């Protein structure tokens, strides 16, 4: 198969490296940054293009889109036009415009749209999901989710002000960039979000024009109430969740690599180690995409799921802007 990676920043290079390690038949790269392209060509000995039409003339079987969210739709549509399967980094877009049309166009041509919510492949969260599915804590009543890290620490050596996360016009802001948490809690709870309330804004001294902190409340159709805290201001990496059920509690911590389970029956905590290497999530994600392109599996996060998560994120932004609860 021929894979065309569009954008060779940090996540683009990660996918290039992983595709090559998975022995994908051919990997090429498009980027508008000549210096990045030269570095990638020298490091990985693969074809590079700074002309998109020339890149598409090679008839790629699949695109891997790793550019700011504001560019996702136009590139995805171009891929569908050229009969290519689509892997697009999260979120699927920065606006809902065109997303439904893209999904319908892909289905009409029997093409895959796959959204890169790699946290679905984290062994800790998969352990949490297993415990929930086994009914270890009974009916889930509420959940608490947190993710935060100081934005200048995300990519040391780079100017955070130039990254898309810091820039509204590129689809930045912590709500869209932090939508991993919106995706995985929806997956864990197993219901649909029906109401969204949010306080968010730029409250730090960081030089950004987007919200840097958000407190989001979600109400699911099964009445589970969830708080999601997102920020790119706190010093020290934080990522965790807690699920409270009628018969117990489950907690997960990314930094600690542990899941903890408390059950009323045992009246004590049990610790479950969930060791992992961060790149393994991306490897498993790309393996699954390849299987989907081959027609052997269905996407863990397809375009419809990506659209639903985007609707929740945009509802949070709308709630913060209007001071109202948004119904979905």
Protein backbone atom coordinates (compact mmCIF):
# COMPACT_ATOMS: atom_id res chain seq x y z
CA UNK A 1 0.00 0.00 0.00
CA UNK A 2 1.05 3.58 -0.60
CA UNK A 3 0.74 5.99 2.34
CA UNK A 4 1.01 9.76 1.92
CA UNK A 5 1.73 11.58 5.18
CA UNK A 6 0.65 15.21 5.00
CA UNK A 7 2.61 17.31 7.48
CA UNK A 8 5.89 16.19 9.03
CA UNK A 9 5.92 17.94 12.38
CA UNK A 10 6.34 15.88 15.55
CA UNK A 11 3.19 13.75 15.13
CA UNK A 12 3.72 13.43 11.38
CA UNK A 13 7.26 12.16 11.91
CA UNK A 14 6.01 9.72 14.54
CA UNK A 15 3.55 8.23 12.05
CA UNK A 16 6.24 8.08 9.35
CA UNK A 17 8.54 6.19 11.70
CA UNK A 18 5.78 3.83 12.79
CA UNK A 19 4.55 3.13 9.26
CA UNK A 20 8.08 2.24 8.21
CA UNK A 21 8.49 -0.02 11.24
CA UNK A 22 5.27 -1.79 10.24
CA UNK A 23 6.70 -2.44 6.78
CA UNK A 24 4.10 -0.39 4.95
CA UNK A 25 4.91 -0.91 1.29
CA UNK A 26 5.62 2.75 0.51
CA UNK A 27 5.59 5.96 2.54
CA UNK A 28 5.89 9.46 1.06
CA UNK A 29 5.51 12.89 2.64
CA UNK A 30 4.09 16.27 1.69
CA UNK A 31 4.89 19.49 3.57
CA UNK A 32 5.23 23.16 2.67
CA UNK A 33 8.31 23.53 4.89
CA UNK A 34 11.38 22.80 2.73
CA UNK A 35 13.72 22.42 5.70
CA UNK A 36 11.48 19.86 7.37
CA UNK A 37 11.17 17.92 4.11
CA UNK A 38 14.93 17.85 3.60
CA UNK A 39 15.46 16.57 7.14
CA UNK A 40 12.84 13.85 6.70
CA UNK A 41 14.24 12.77 3.31
CA UNK A 42 17.75 12.55 4.75
CA UNK A 43 16.67 10.69 7.88
CA UNK A 44 14.22 8.18 6.44
CA UNK A 45 15.23 7.96 2.76
CA UNK A 46 11.66 8.37 1.51
CA UNK A 47 10.04 10.45 -1.23
CA UNK A 48 9.06 13.98 -0.28
CA UNK A 49 6.91 16.54 -2.05
CA UNK A 50 6.23 20.25 -1.66
CA UNK A 51 3.65 20.16 -4.45
CA UNK A 52 0.40 18.50 -3.39
CA UNK A 53 -0.74 17.70 -6.93
CA UNK A 54 2.53 15.90 -7.58
CA UNK A 55 2.12 13.96 -4.33
CA UNK A 56 -1.37 12.85 -5.36
CA UNK A 57 -0.14 11.90 -8.83
CA UNK A 58 1.54 8.92 -7.13
CA UNK A 59 -1.97 7.53 -6.39
CA UNK A 60 -1.69 6.97 -2.61
CA UNK A 61 -3.98 4.34 -1.10
CA UNK A 62 -4.27 6.27 2.17
CA UNK A 63 -3.59 9.72 3.59
CA UNK A 64 -2.28 10.38 7.09
CA UNK A 65 -3.25 14.00 7.82
CA UNK A 66 -1.05 15.67 10.44
CA UNK A 67 -1.64 19.41 9.96
CA UNK A 68 -3.60 21.99 12.01
CA UNK A 69 -7.33 21.18 12.38
CA UNK A 70 -8.32 24.15 10.21
CA UNK A 71 -6.84 22.30 7.21
CA UNK A 72 -8.25 18.83 7.92
CA UNK A 73 -11.44 19.04 5.88
CA UNK A 74 -9.98 20.38 2.64
CA UNK A 75 -7.25 17.73 2.65
CA UNK A 76 -9.62 14.92 3.61
CA UNK A 77 -12.00 15.86 0.80
CA UNK A 78 -9.08 15.90 -1.64
CA UNK A 79 -8.15 12.42 -0.44
CA UNK A 80 -11.68 11.13 -0.97
CA UNK A 81 -11.68 12.70 -4.44
CA UNK A 82 -8.55 10.64 -5.19
CA UNK A 83 -10.10 7.46 -3.73
CA UNK A 84 -7.75 7.38 -0.74
CA UNK A 85 -8.59 6.17 2.75
CA UNK A 86 -8.24 8.85 5.43
CA UNK A 87 -6.42 8.84 8.76
CA UNK A 88 -6.82 12.29 10.32
CA UNK A 89 -5.33 13.45 13.58
CA UNK A 90 -7.79 14.64 16.22
CA UNK A 91 -10.00 16.57 16.21
CA UNK A 92 -11.59 15.71 12.88
CA UNK A 93 -11.94 19.46 12.25
CA UNK A 94 -12.19 22.79 14.06
CA UNK A 95 -15.75 23.36 12.82
CA UNK A 96 -18.67 21.07 12.10
CA UNK A 97 -19.02 22.46 8.57
CA UNK A 98 -18.43 19.74 6.00
CA UNK A 99 -17.83 16.87 8.44
CA UNK A 100 -21.11 15.07 7.78
CA UNK A 101 -20.65 15.57 4.04
CA UNK A 102 -17.16 14.06 4.25
CA UNK A 103 -18.40 11.00 6.12
CA UNK A 104 -21.18 10.43 3.60
CA UNK A 105 -18.81 10.83 0.66
CA UNK A 106 -16.40 8.31 2.19
CA UNK A 107 -19.16 5.77 2.80
CA UNK A 108 -20.43 6.17 -0.75
CA UNK A 109 -16.97 5.20 -2.03
CA UNK A 110 -16.42 2.55 0.67
CA UNK A 111 -13.43 4.46 2.04
CA UNK A 112 -12.28 4.52 5.66
CA UNK A 113 -12.26 7.71 7.73
CA UNK A 114 -10.23 7.08 10.89
CA UNK A 115 -9.69 9.71 13.60
CA UNK A 116 -6.50 9.59 15.67
CA UNK A 117 -7.74 9.29 19.24
CA UNK A 118 -4.83 7.14 20.34
CA UNK A 119 -5.85 7.05 24.01
CA UNK A 120 -8.28 4.27 23.04
CA UNK A 121 -5.16 2.07 22.84
CA UNK A 122 -3.75 2.97 26.26
CA UNK A 123 -3.51 -0.24 28.35
CA UNK A 124 -4.60 1.60 31.50
CA UNK A 125 -7.82 2.86 29.95
CA UNK A 126 -8.43 -0.52 28.35
CA UNK A 127 -8.13 -2.05 31.82
CA UNK A 128 -10.66 0.48 33.12
CA UNK A 129 -13.02 -0.40 30.27
CA UNK A 130 -12.69 -4.10 31.04
CA UNK A 131 -13.50 -3.57 34.73
CA UNK A 132 -16.55 -1.50 33.81
CA UNK A 133 -17.77 -4.06 31.29
CA UNK A 134 -17.37 -6.79 33.92
CA UNK A 135 -19.61 -4.81 36.26
CA UNK A 136 -16.96 -4.49 38.97
CA UNK A 137 -18.41 -1.22 40.33
CA UNK A 138 -22.02 -1.71 39.31
CA UNK A 139 -23.95 1.09 37.68
CA UNK A 140 -21.75 4.11 36.98
CA UNK A 141 -23.10 7.28 38.59
CA UNK A 142 -20.45 9.92 37.90
CA UNK A 143 -16.96 10.44 36.56
CA UNK A 144 -14.11 12.90 36.94
CA UNK A 145 -11.51 13.42 34.19
CA UNK A 146 -8.41 15.62 34.16
CA UNK A 147 -5.64 16.42 31.71
CA UNK A 148 -3.16 19.26 31.99
CA UNK A 149 0.39 20.26 31.16
CA UNK A 150 2.20 23.58 30.65
CA UNK A 151 2.06 24.33 26.91
CA UNK A 152 5.72 25.43 26.52
CA UNK A 153 6.71 21.97 27.83
CA UNK A 154 4.81 20.09 25.11
CA UNK A 155 7.56 20.43 22.51
CA UNK A 156 10.78 21.58 24.20
CA UNK A 157 12.96 23.66 21.91
CA UNK A 158 10.00 24.95 19.87
CA UNK A 159 8.25 28.30 20.25
CA UNK A 160 4.85 27.37 21.68
CA UNK A 161 3.35 30.57 20.24
CA UNK A 162 3.82 29.26 16.70
CA UNK A 163 2.09 25.94 17.32
CA UNK A 164 -1.53 25.52 16.27
CA UNK A 165 -2.69 24.90 19.85
CA UNK A 166 -1.96 28.54 20.70
CA UNK A 167 -3.76 29.96 17.68
CA UNK A 168 -7.52 30.22 17.29
CA UNK A 169 -7.51 30.54 13.50
CA UNK A 170 -5.72 27.19 13.16
CA UNK A 171 -8.23 25.35 15.35
CA UNK A 172 -6.29 25.62 18.59
CA UNK A 173 -7.35 25.88 22.21
CA UNK A 174 -7.38 23.29 24.95
CA UNK A 175 -10.95 22.10 24.32
CA UNK A 176 -10.25 20.89 20.79
CA UNK A 177 -6.69 19.80 21.51
CA UNK A 178 -7.82 18.07 24.70
CA UNK A 179 -10.71 16.27 23.04
CA UNK A 180 -8.94 12.94 23.69
CA UNK A 181 -10.58 13.11 27.11
CA UNK A 182 -14.03 13.78 25.63
CA UNK A 183 -13.62 10.78 23.35
CA UNK A 184 -12.40 8.30 25.92
CA UNK A 185 -14.90 9.17 28.65
CA UNK A 186 -17.74 8.79 26.14
CA UNK A 187 -16.29 5.37 25.26
CA UNK A 188 -15.95 4.34 28.92
CA UNK A 189 -19.42 5.51 29.94
CA UNK A 190 -21.02 3.88 26.93
CA UNK A 191 -23.77 6.46 26.50
CA UNK A 192 -24.43 9.63 24.55
CA UNK A 193 -23.83 13.13 25.87
CA UNK A 194 -27.09 15.06 25.93
CA UNK A 195 -26.20 18.26 27.81
CA UNK A 196 -22.98 20.28 28.03
CA UNK A 197 -22.04 23.15 30.33
CA UNK A 198 -18.65 24.83 30.41
CA UNK A 199 -16.58 27.62 31.88
CA UNK A 200 -13.45 28.30 29.81
CA UNK A 201 -11.12 31.12 28.91
CA UNK A 202 -7.60 32.44 28.67
CA UNK A 203 -6.68 33.07 32.27
CA UNK A 204 -2.88 32.62 32.27
CA UNK A 205 -0.07 34.87 31.09
CA UNK A 206 0.75 32.59 28.15
CA UNK A 207 0.85 34.37 24.79
CA UNK A 208 -2.09 32.60 23.16
CA UNK A 209 -5.41 33.75 21.73
CA UNK A 210 -7.35 30.63 22.72
CA UNK A 211 -8.83 29.26 25.92
CA UNK A 212 -6.11 27.72 28.10
CA UNK A 213 -8.37 26.28 30.81
CA UNK A 214 -11.77 24.62 30.66
CA UNK A 215 -14.14 23.05 33.18
CA UNK A 216 -16.71 21.00 31.30
CA UNK A 217 -19.78 19.27 32.71
CA UNK A 218 -21.39 16.49 30.68
CA UNK A 219 -24.72 14.81 31.29
CA UNK A 220 -25.21 11.50 29.51
CA UNK A 221 -28.47 9.94 28.37
CA UNK A 222 -28.01 7.28 31.08
CA UNK A 223 -27.85 10.13 33.66
CA UNK A 224 -24.13 9.78 34.36
CA UNK A 225 -22.70 13.19 35.29
CA UNK A 226 -19.08 13.85 34.32
CA UNK A 227 -16.62 16.67 35.00
CA UNK A 228 -13.79 17.12 32.50
CA UNK A 229 -10.95 19.50 33.45
CA UNK A 230 -8.58 20.51 30.63
CA UNK A 231 -5.70 22.99 30.73
CA UNK A 232 -2.32 23.81 29.26
CA UNK A 233 -1.18 25.95 32.17
CA UNK A 234 -0.32 23.60 35.03
CA UNK A 235 3.29 22.76 35.82
CA UNK A 236 3.81 19.05 35.95
CA UNK A 237 1.99 16.57 33.75
CA UNK A 238 -1.43 15.47 34.99
CA UNK A 239 -3.74 12.92 33.38
CA UNK A 240 -6.25 10.80 35.25
CA UNK A 241 -9.84 9.74 35.69
CA UNK A 242 -12.15 8.45 38.41
CA UNK A 243 -15.41 6.57 37.89
CA UNK A 244 -17.85 6.22 40.80
CA UNK A 245 -20.33 3.36 40.73
CA UNK A 246 -23.01 2.03 43.05
CA UNK A 247 -20.72 -0.84 44.10
CA UNK A 248 -17.28 0.74 43.97
CA UNK A 249 -14.79 3.15 42.42
CA UNK A 250 -12.14 2.93 39.69
CA UNK A 251 -9.24 5.37 39.30
CA UNK A 252 -6.57 5.59 36.62
CA UNK A 253 -3.37 7.63 36.53
CA UNK A 254 -1.28 8.03 33.37
CA UNK A 255 1.90 9.17 35.18
CA UNK A 256 1.64 6.42 37.83
CA UNK A 257 0.82 3.69 35.26
CA UNK A 258 -1.78 2.27 37.64
CA UNK A 259 -5.47 1.43 37.82
CA UNK A 260 -7.00 1.18 41.29
CA UNK A 261 -10.25 -0.61 42.08
CA UNK A 262 -12.33 -0.31 45.26
CA UNK A 263 -15.32 -2.61 45.68
CA UNK A 264 -17.92 -2.56 48.44
CA UNK A 265 -17.78 -6.36 48.58
CA UNK A 266 -14.08 -6.40 49.52
CA UNK A 267 -14.04 -3.01 51.27
CA UNK A 268 -10.48 -2.32 50.14
CA UNK A 269 -8.42 -0.97 47.26
CA UNK A 270 -6.73 -3.20 44.71
CA UNK A 271 -3.88 -1.84 42.57
CA UNK A 272 -3.35 -3.04 39.00
CA UNK A 273 -0.09 -2.07 37.29
CA UNK A 274 -0.49 -1.08 33.64
CA UNK A 275 3.05 -0.64 32.29
CA UNK A 276 3.37 0.77 28.80
CA UNK A 277 5.63 2.59 26.38
CA UNK A 278 3.90 5.71 24.97
CA UNK A 279 4.66 5.01 21.32
CA UNK A 280 2.96 1.61 21.61
CA UNK A 281 -0.42 3.39 21.49
CA UNK A 282 0.45 4.96 18.15
CA UNK A 283 1.78 1.67 16.79
CA UNK A 284 -1.43 -0.15 17.71
CA UNK A 285 -3.51 2.69 16.29
CA UNK A 286 -1.69 2.56 12.94
CA UNK A 287 -1.84 -1.23 12.84
CA UNK A 288 -5.59 -0.98 13.21
CA UNK A 289 -5.87 1.64 10.48
CA UNK A 290 -3.93 -0.63 8.11
CA UNK A 291 -6.28 -3.52 8.92
CA UNK A 292 -9.25 -1.22 8.25
CA UNK A 293 -7.81 -0.17 4.88
CA UNK A 294 -7.46 -3.87 4.04
CA UNK A 295 -11.12 -4.37 4.96
CA UNK A 296 -10.27 -6.75 7.81
CA UNK A 297 -11.45 -4.57 10.74
CA UNK A 298 -13.76 -1.66 11.52
CA UNK A 299 -12.25 1.59 12.88
CA UNK A 300 -12.12 2.04 16.65
CA UNK A 301 -12.87 5.72 16.03
CA UNK A 302 -14.50 6.28 12.65
CA UNK A 303 -15.64 9.55 11.11
CA UNK A 304 -19.05 9.37 12.78
CA UNK A 305 -17.48 9.06 16.23
CA UNK A 306 -15.04 11.84 15.38
CA UNK A 307 -18.00 14.02 14.39
CA UNK A 308 -19.81 13.29 17.65
CA UNK A 309 -16.77 14.15 19.77
CA UNK A 310 -16.34 17.38 17.81
CA UNK A 311 -20.00 18.27 18.45
CA UNK A 312 -19.40 17.86 22.20
CA UNK A 313 -16.23 20.00 22.08
CA UNK A 314 -17.97 22.74 20.10
CA UNK A 315 -20.93 22.63 22.50
CA UNK A 316 -18.47 23.23 25.37
CA UNK A 317 -17.01 26.23 23.55
CA UNK A 318 -20.51 27.57 22.85
CA UNK A 319 -21.55 27.11 26.48
CA UNK A 320 -18.47 29.00 27.68
CA UNK A 321 -19.19 31.83 25.24
CA UNK A 322 -22.92 32.14 26.01
CA UNK A 323 -23.19 31.06 29.64
CA UNK A 324 -25.88 28.55 28.71
CA UNK A 325 -26.32 24.79 28.97
CA UNK A 326 -26.16 23.36 25.45
CA UNK A 327 -28.41 20.45 24.56
CA UNK A 328 -27.27 17.95 21.96
